[in-house]
């Protein structure tokens, strides 16, 4: 959604600049899935997979029109972890993702 201009071009520029700034933080990883891949697992959901050193405490947040849904059952986590792993394997590296974000921002 890096090209979507919710609020106009200037707002998008600010959002892209914020992403680039955030991506420099040691605890933030931003990786972009390019448009030219053949398939994209989980493309119909906006999800956040929060994980840490203790896997039993992992949580998935799925956004819906009725608000967020939180999941932490082992079977749900296994399913979403698989989607996350496949998505991660298709994403650009961190450096290439930053380069693409910069390229998009310059083209606006």
C-alpha atoms as a PDB file:
ATOM      1  CA  UNK A   1       0.000   0.000   0.000  1.00  0.00           C
ATOM      2  CA  UNK A   2       3.027   2.264  -0.406  1.00  0.00           C
ATOM      3  CA  UNK A   3       1.402   4.002  -3.385  1.00  0.00           C
ATOM      4  CA  UNK A   4      -2.009   4.647  -1.799  1.00  0.00           C
ATOM      5  CA  UNK A   5      -2.598   8.358  -1.289  1.00  0.00           C
ATOM      6  CA  UNK A   6      -5.014   8.477   1.617  1.00  0.00           C
ATOM      7  CA  UNK A   7      -5.057  12.171   2.499  1.00  0.00           C
ATOM      8  CA  UNK A   8      -3.144  13.257  -0.605  1.00  0.00           C
ATOM      9  CA  UNK A   9       0.397  13.269  -1.920  1.00  0.00           C
ATOM     10  CA  UNK A  10       1.913  15.357   0.881  1.00  0.00           C
ATOM     11  CA  UNK A  11       0.524  13.024   3.544  1.00  0.00           C
ATOM     12  CA  UNK A  12       1.917  10.027   1.649  1.00  0.00           C
ATOM     13  CA  UNK A  13       5.348  11.666   1.475  1.00  0.00           C
ATOM     14  CA  UNK A  14       5.236  12.209   5.245  1.00  0.00           C
ATOM     15  CA  UNK A  15       4.162   8.609   5.835  1.00  0.00           C
ATOM     16  CA  UNK A  16       6.972   7.256   3.656  1.00  0.00           C
ATOM     17  CA  UNK A  17       9.499   9.510   5.427  1.00  0.00           C
ATOM     18  CA  UNK A  18       8.200   8.212   8.759  1.00  0.00           C
ATOM     19  CA  UNK A  19       8.589   4.605   7.589  1.00  0.00           C
ATOM     20  CA  UNK A  20      12.178   5.299   6.565  1.00  0.00           C
ATOM     21  CA  UNK A  21      12.921   6.962   9.896  1.00  0.00           C
ATOM     22  CA  UNK A  22      11.302   4.107  11.831  1.00  0.00           C
ATOM     23  CA  UNK A  23      13.208   1.512   9.790  1.00  0.00           C
ATOM     24  CA  UNK A  24      16.479   2.839  11.192  1.00  0.00           C
ATOM     25  CA  UNK A  25      15.484   1.892  14.752  1.00  0.00           C
ATOM     26  CA  UNK A  26      17.172  -1.321  15.934  1.00  0.00           C
ATOM     27  CA  UNK A  27      13.865  -2.861  17.063  1.00  0.00           C
ATOM     28  CA  UNK A  28      11.987  -2.162  13.797  1.00  0.00           C
ATOM     29  CA  UNK A  29      12.167  -4.217  10.619  1.00  0.00           C
ATOM     30  CA  UNK A  30      10.391  -3.035   7.487  1.00  0.00           C
ATOM     31  CA  UNK A  31      10.392  -5.356   4.505  1.00  0.00           C
ATOM     32  CA  UNK A  32       8.304  -4.739   1.410  1.00  0.00           C
ATOM     33  CA  UNK A  33       6.582  -7.453  -0.603  1.00  0.00           C
ATOM     34  CA  UNK A  34       6.918  -6.366  -4.252  1.00  0.00           C
ATOM     35  CA  UNK A  35       3.975  -6.235  -6.655  1.00  0.00           C
ATOM     36  CA  UNK A  36       5.604  -8.575  -9.167  1.00  0.00           C
ATOM     37  CA  UNK A  37       5.440 -11.784  -7.124  1.00  0.00           C
ATOM     38  CA  UNK A  38       3.158 -14.560  -8.387  1.00  0.00           C
ATOM     39  CA  UNK A  39       1.263 -15.173  -5.173  1.00  0.00           C
ATOM     40  CA  UNK A  40       1.020 -13.611  -1.754  1.00  0.00           C
ATOM     41  CA  UNK A  41      -0.047 -15.617   1.300  1.00  0.00           C
ATOM     42  CA  UNK A  42      -2.344 -13.766   3.640  1.00  0.00           C
ATOM     43  CA  UNK A  43      -3.050 -10.939   1.194  1.00  0.00           C
ATOM     44  CA  UNK A  44      -6.658 -10.675   2.314  1.00  0.00           C
ATOM     45  CA  UNK A  45      -5.823  -9.962   5.958  1.00  0.00           C
ATOM     46  CA  UNK A  46      -3.984  -7.215   7.760  1.00  0.00           C
ATOM     47  CA  UNK A  47      -2.234  -8.955  10.613  1.00  0.00           C
ATOM     48  CA  UNK A  48       0.374  -8.378  13.231  1.00  0.00           C
ATOM     49  CA  UNK A  49       2.299 -11.325  14.625  1.00  0.00           C
ATOM     50  CA  UNK A  50       3.817 -10.327  17.967  1.00  0.00           C
ATOM     51  CA  UNK A  51       6.470 -12.797  19.031  1.00  0.00           C
ATOM     52  CA  UNK A  52       9.326 -12.893  21.449  1.00  0.00           C
ATOM     53  CA  UNK A  53      11.657 -15.132  23.390  1.00  0.00           C
ATOM     54  CA  UNK A  54       8.796 -17.132  24.933  1.00  0.00           C
ATOM     55  CA  UNK A  55       6.731 -18.636  22.066  1.00  0.00           C
ATOM     56  CA  UNK A  56       3.851 -19.469  24.409  1.00  0.00           C
ATOM     57  CA  UNK A  57       3.239 -15.720  24.763  1.00  0.00           C
ATOM     58  CA  UNK A  58       3.005 -15.040  21.007  1.00  0.00           C
ATOM     59  CA  UNK A  59      -0.148 -13.290  19.839  1.00  0.00           C
ATOM     60  CA  UNK A  60      -1.684 -12.573  16.445  1.00  0.00           C
ATOM     61  CA  UNK A  61      -3.848  -9.513  15.887  1.00  0.00           C
ATOM     62  CA  UNK A  62      -6.099  -9.618  12.822  1.00  0.00           C
ATOM     63  CA  UNK A  63      -7.818  -6.378  11.848  1.00  0.00           C
ATOM     64  CA  UNK A  64     -11.448  -6.586  10.805  1.00  0.00           C
ATOM     65  CA  UNK A  65     -14.297  -4.165  10.179  1.00  0.00           C
ATOM     66  CA  UNK A  66     -15.556  -4.971  13.683  1.00  0.00           C
ATOM     67  CA  UNK A  67     -12.241  -4.207  15.336  1.00  0.00           C
ATOM     68  CA  UNK A  68      -9.161  -6.266  16.152  1.00  0.00           C
ATOM     69  CA  UNK A  69      -9.316  -9.984  16.849  1.00  0.00           C
ATOM     70  CA  UNK A  70      -6.561 -11.473  19.022  1.00  0.00           C
ATOM     71  CA  UNK A  71      -5.458 -15.092  18.768  1.00  0.00           C
ATOM     72  CA  UNK A  72      -3.041 -17.064  20.884  1.00  0.00           C
ATOM     73  CA  UNK A  73      -4.078 -20.715  20.520  1.00  0.00           C
ATOM     74  CA  UNK A  74      -1.227 -22.955  19.369  1.00  0.00           C
ATOM     75  CA  UNK A  75      -3.079 -24.075  16.220  1.00  0.00           C
ATOM     76  CA  UNK A  76      -3.842 -20.458  15.233  1.00  0.00           C
ATOM     77  CA  UNK A  77      -0.285 -19.341  15.907  1.00  0.00           C
ATOM     78  CA  UNK A  78       1.076 -22.229  13.837  1.00  0.00           C
ATOM     79  CA  UNK A  79      -1.137 -21.290  10.898  1.00  0.00           C
ATOM     80  CA  UNK A  80      -0.290 -17.591  11.028  1.00  0.00           C
ATOM     81  CA  UNK A  81       3.401 -18.260  11.624  1.00  0.00           C
ATOM     82  CA  UNK A  82       3.392 -20.260   8.391  1.00  0.00           C
ATOM     83  CA  UNK A  83       1.797 -17.324   6.531  1.00  0.00           C
ATOM     84  CA  UNK A  84       4.303 -14.936   8.098  1.00  0.00           C
ATOM     85  CA  UNK A  85       7.264 -17.173   7.151  1.00  0.00           C
ATOM     86  CA  UNK A  86       6.089 -17.482   3.523  1.00  0.00           C
ATOM     87  CA  UNK A  87       5.504 -13.744   3.297  1.00  0.00           C
ATOM     88  CA  UNK A  88       8.924 -13.024   4.774  1.00  0.00           C
ATOM     89  CA  UNK A  89      10.572 -15.312   2.206  1.00  0.00           C
ATOM     90  CA  UNK A  90       8.995 -13.245  -0.612  1.00  0.00           C
ATOM     91  CA  UNK A  91       9.818  -9.815   0.807  1.00  0.00           C
ATOM     92  CA  UNK A  92      12.689  -7.617  -0.263  1.00  0.00           C
ATOM     93  CA  UNK A  93      15.633  -7.276   2.112  1.00  0.00           C
ATOM     94  CA  UNK A  94      15.589  -4.387   4.563  1.00  0.00           C
ATOM     95  CA  UNK A  95      18.001  -2.346   2.418  1.00  0.00           C
ATOM     96  CA  UNK A  96      16.089  -3.015  -0.808  1.00  0.00           C
ATOM     97  CA  UNK A  97      12.828  -2.183   0.957  1.00  0.00           C
ATOM     98  CA  UNK A  98      14.233   1.175   2.100  1.00  0.00           C
ATOM     99  CA  UNK A  99      15.495   1.839  -1.430  1.00  0.00           C
ATOM    100  CA  UNK A 100      12.060   1.140  -2.890  1.00  0.00           C
ATOM    101  CA  UNK A 101      10.376   3.394  -0.329  1.00  0.00           C
ATOM    102  CA  UNK A 102      12.837   6.199  -1.189  1.00  0.00           C
ATOM    103  CA  UNK A 103      12.197   5.658  -4.917  1.00  0.00           C
ATOM    104  CA  UNK A 104       8.423   5.886  -4.424  1.00  0.00           C
ATOM    105  CA  UNK A 105       8.776   9.034  -2.300  1.00  0.00           C
ATOM    106  CA  UNK A 106      10.946  10.717  -4.953  1.00  0.00           C
ATOM    107  CA  UNK A 107       8.451   9.842  -7.692  1.00  0.00           C
ATOM    108  CA  UNK A 108       5.580  11.672  -5.948  1.00  0.00           C
END
